[in-house]
Amino acid sequence: MREQPIGQAVENDERAEVIAYHRGDTHAAIGTLLDDIRHLRRQLALAEGAMSRGMTRGWLPDYDRR
């Protein structure tokens, strides 16, 4: 049996849980995750507007993964 790194095993379990929650409907699972992304981006934009530069020592949020 091949051992999986812990991080990879957790990611695989999370994927399975998301799909199981949507009763195997992958389109519904993807739709929910996209809705979550939109919500979190809105929350990030609100937080960015509410915090001062001094509070974050020049940090600015990045909306895209690198």
N, C-alpha and C. Protein backbone atom coordinates (compact mmCIF):
# COMPACT_ATOMS: atom_id res chain seq x y z
N MET A 1 0.84 -1.18 0.00
CA MET A 1 0.00 0.00 0.00
C MET A 1 0.89 1.24 0.00
N ARG A 2 0.60 2.17 -0.90
CA ARG A 2 1.37 3.40 -1.01
C ARG A 2 0.87 4.40 0.03
N GLU A 3 1.80 5.00 0.76
CA GLU A 3 1.41 5.98 1.76
C GLU A 3 1.23 7.35 1.11
N GLN A 4 0.18 8.05 1.52
CA GLN A 4 -0.07 9.40 1.02
C GLN A 4 0.44 10.41 2.03
N PRO A 5 0.98 11.52 1.54
CA PRO A 5 1.31 12.59 2.49
C PRO A 5 0.03 13.05 3.19
N ILE A 6 0.16 13.49 4.41
CA ILE A 6 -1.00 13.87 5.21
C ILE A 6 -1.83 14.95 4.51
N GLY A 7 -1.20 15.97 3.97
CA GLY A 7 -1.93 17.05 3.30
C GLY A 7 -2.76 16.56 2.14
N GLN A 8 -2.22 15.64 1.35
CA GLN A 8 -2.94 15.12 0.20
C GLN A 8 -4.14 14.28 0.65
N ALA A 9 -3.98 13.50 1.70
CA ALA A 9 -5.07 12.68 2.20
C ALA A 9 -6.22 13.55 2.68
N VAL A 10 -5.90 14.64 3.35
CA VAL A 10 -6.93 15.55 3.85
C VAL A 10 -7.67 16.18 2.68
N GLU A 11 -6.94 16.62 1.65
CA GLU A 11 -7.58 17.22 0.48
C GLU A 11 -8.51 16.24 -0.20
N ASN A 12 -8.08 14.98 -0.35
CA ASN A 12 -8.94 13.97 -0.97
C ASN A 12 -10.20 13.74 -0.15
N ASP A 13 -10.07 13.70 1.18
CA ASP A 13 -11.23 13.53 2.05
C ASP A 13 -12.18 14.71 1.92
N GLU A 14 -11.64 15.91 1.85
CA GLU A 14 -12.49 17.10 1.71
C GLU A 14 -13.27 17.06 0.41
N ARG A 15 -12.62 16.68 -0.67
CA ARG A 15 -13.31 16.59 -1.95
C ARG A 15 -14.46 15.59 -1.87
N ALA A 16 -14.18 14.44 -1.30
CA ALA A 16 -15.20 13.40 -1.17
C ALA A 16 -16.36 13.88 -0.31
N GLU A 17 -16.06 14.61 0.76
CA GLU A 17 -17.11 15.12 1.64
C GLU A 17 -17.99 16.13 0.92
N VAL A 18 -17.38 17.01 0.13
CA VAL A 18 -18.16 18.02 -0.60
C VAL A 18 -19.09 17.34 -1.59
N ILE A 19 -18.58 16.38 -2.32
CA ILE A 19 -19.41 15.68 -3.31
C ILE A 19 -20.49 14.86 -2.62
N ALA A 20 -20.15 14.21 -1.52
CA ALA A 20 -21.15 13.44 -0.77
C ALA A 20 -22.25 14.34 -0.22
N TYR A 21 -21.89 15.53 0.26
CA TYR A 21 -22.88 16.47 0.78
C TYR A 21 -23.91 16.82 -0.29
N HIS A 22 -23.46 16.88 -1.54
CA HIS A 22 -24.35 17.22 -2.66
C HIS A 22 -24.90 15.96 -3.34
N ARG A 23 -24.83 14.84 -2.64
CA ARG A 23 -25.37 13.55 -3.10
C ARG A 23 -24.83 13.14 -4.47
N GLY A 24 -23.52 13.39 -4.66
CA GLY A 24 -22.88 12.96 -5.89
C GLY A 24 -23.02 13.91 -7.07
N ASP A 25 -23.74 15.00 -6.89
CA ASP A 25 -23.94 15.98 -7.97
C ASP A 25 -22.76 16.94 -8.01
N THR A 26 -21.83 16.66 -8.92
CA THR A 26 -20.61 17.48 -8.98
C THR A 26 -20.89 18.90 -9.44
N HIS A 27 -21.90 19.08 -10.29
CA HIS A 27 -22.24 20.44 -10.73
C HIS A 27 -22.75 21.28 -9.56
N ALA A 28 -23.55 20.69 -8.70
CA ALA A 28 -24.04 21.40 -7.52
C ALA A 28 -22.89 21.71 -6.57
N ALA A 29 -21.96 20.78 -6.42
CA ALA A 29 -20.80 20.99 -5.55
C ALA A 29 -19.95 22.15 -6.07
N ILE A 30 -19.70 22.18 -7.37
CA ILE A 30 -18.91 23.26 -7.95
C ILE A 30 -19.64 24.59 -7.81
N GLY A 31 -20.94 24.59 -8.02
CA GLY A 31 -21.73 25.81 -7.87
C GLY A 31 -21.66 26.37 -6.46
N THR A 32 -21.75 25.50 -5.46
CA THR A 32 -21.65 25.93 -4.07
C THR A 32 -20.27 26.51 -3.78
N LEU A 33 -19.23 25.85 -4.27
CA LEU A 33 -17.87 26.36 -4.04
C LEU A 33 -17.65 27.70 -4.73
N LEU A 34 -18.20 27.88 -5.92
CA LEU A 34 -18.09 29.18 -6.61
C LEU A 34 -18.84 30.27 -5.84
N ASP A 35 -20.01 29.92 -5.30
CA ASP A 35 -20.74 30.88 -4.47
C ASP A 35 -19.93 31.27 -3.24
N ASP A 36 -19.27 30.29 -2.63
CA ASP A 36 -18.42 30.57 -1.47
C ASP A 36 -17.27 31.51 -1.85
N ILE A 37 -16.67 31.29 -3.01
CA ILE A 37 -15.57 32.16 -3.46
C ILE A 37 -16.07 33.59 -3.63
N ARG A 38 -17.23 33.75 -4.28
CA ARG A 38 -17.79 35.10 -4.47
C ARG A 38 -18.04 35.80 -3.13
N HIS A 39 -18.61 35.05 -2.19
CA HIS A 39 -18.90 35.60 -0.87
C HIS A 39 -17.60 36.03 -0.17
N LEU A 40 -16.59 35.18 -0.21
CA LEU A 40 -15.33 35.49 0.46
C LEU A 40 -14.61 36.67 -0.19
N ARG A 41 -14.72 36.80 -1.51
CA ARG A 41 -14.12 37.96 -2.18
C ARG A 41 -14.82 39.25 -1.75
N ARG A 42 -16.15 39.19 -1.61
CA ARG A 42 -16.88 40.37 -1.12
C ARG A 42 -16.46 40.72 0.29
N GLN A 43 -16.31 39.71 1.13
CA GLN A 43 -15.89 39.94 2.50
C GLN A 43 -14.48 40.54 2.55
N LEU A 44 -13.60 40.07 1.68
CA LEU A 44 -12.25 40.59 1.61
C LEU A 44 -12.25 42.05 1.15
N ALA A 45 -13.10 42.38 0.19
CA ALA A 45 -13.20 43.76 -0.28
C ALA A 45 -13.71 44.67 0.84
N LEU A 46 -14.68 44.20 1.61
CA LEU A 46 -15.18 44.99 2.74
C LEU A 46 -14.11 45.20 3.80
N ALA A 47 -13.37 44.14 4.10
CA ALA A 47 -12.30 44.24 5.10
C ALA A 47 -11.21 45.19 4.62
N GLU A 48 -10.89 45.13 3.33
CA GLU A 48 -9.87 46.02 2.77
C GLU A 48 -10.29 47.48 2.92
N GLY A 49 -11.56 47.76 2.70
CA GLY A 49 -12.05 49.12 2.82
C GLY A 49 -12.09 49.62 4.26
N ALA A 50 -12.23 48.70 5.20
CA ALA A 50 -12.38 49.09 6.60
C ALA A 50 -11.06 49.21 7.35
N MET A 51 -9.99 48.61 6.84
CA MET A 51 -8.74 48.63 7.60
C MET A 51 -7.78 49.68 7.04
N SER A 52 -6.98 50.20 7.95
CA SER A 52 -6.02 51.23 7.54
C SER A 52 -4.70 50.59 7.13
N ARG A 53 -3.90 51.32 6.39
CA ARG A 53 -2.58 50.83 5.97
C ARG A 53 -1.69 50.54 7.17
N GLY A 54 -1.74 51.38 8.19
CA GLY A 54 -0.90 51.19 9.36
C GLY A 54 -1.23 49.91 10.10
N MET A 55 -2.49 49.54 10.09
CA MET A 55 -2.92 48.34 10.80
C MET A 55 -2.32 47.09 10.16
N THR A 56 -2.14 47.10 8.87
CA THR A 56 -1.65 45.91 8.17
C THR A 56 -0.21 46.05 7.72
N ARG A 57 0.44 47.14 8.10
CA ARG A 57 1.84 47.40 7.76
C ARG A 57 2.10 47.29 6.26
N GLY A 58 1.20 47.86 5.47
CA GLY A 58 1.38 47.91 4.03
C GLY A 58 0.85 46.70 3.27
N TRP A 59 0.34 45.68 3.99
CA TRP A 59 -0.19 44.50 3.31
C TRP A 59 -1.46 44.87 2.57
N LEU A 60 -1.61 44.37 1.39
CA LEU A 60 -2.84 44.51 0.62
C LEU A 60 -3.34 43.11 0.24
N PRO A 61 -4.64 42.90 0.28
CA PRO A 61 -5.15 41.58 -0.08
C PRO A 61 -4.92 41.30 -1.56
N ASP A 62 -4.78 40.03 -1.88
CA ASP A 62 -4.61 39.59 -3.26
C ASP A 62 -5.82 38.71 -3.59
N TYR A 63 -6.56 39.12 -4.58
CA TYR A 63 -7.79 38.42 -4.91
C TYR A 63 -7.58 37.18 -5.79
N ASP A 64 -6.41 37.02 -6.34
CA ASP A 64 -6.11 35.88 -7.20
C ASP A 64 -4.98 35.06 -6.62
N ARG A 65 -5.08 33.74 -6.81
CA ARG A 65 -4.00 32.85 -6.34
C ARG A 65 -2.83 32.97 -7.28
N ARG A 66 -1.67 32.80 -6.75
CA ARG A 66 -0.46 32.85 -7.59
C ARG A 66 0.08 31.48 -7.83
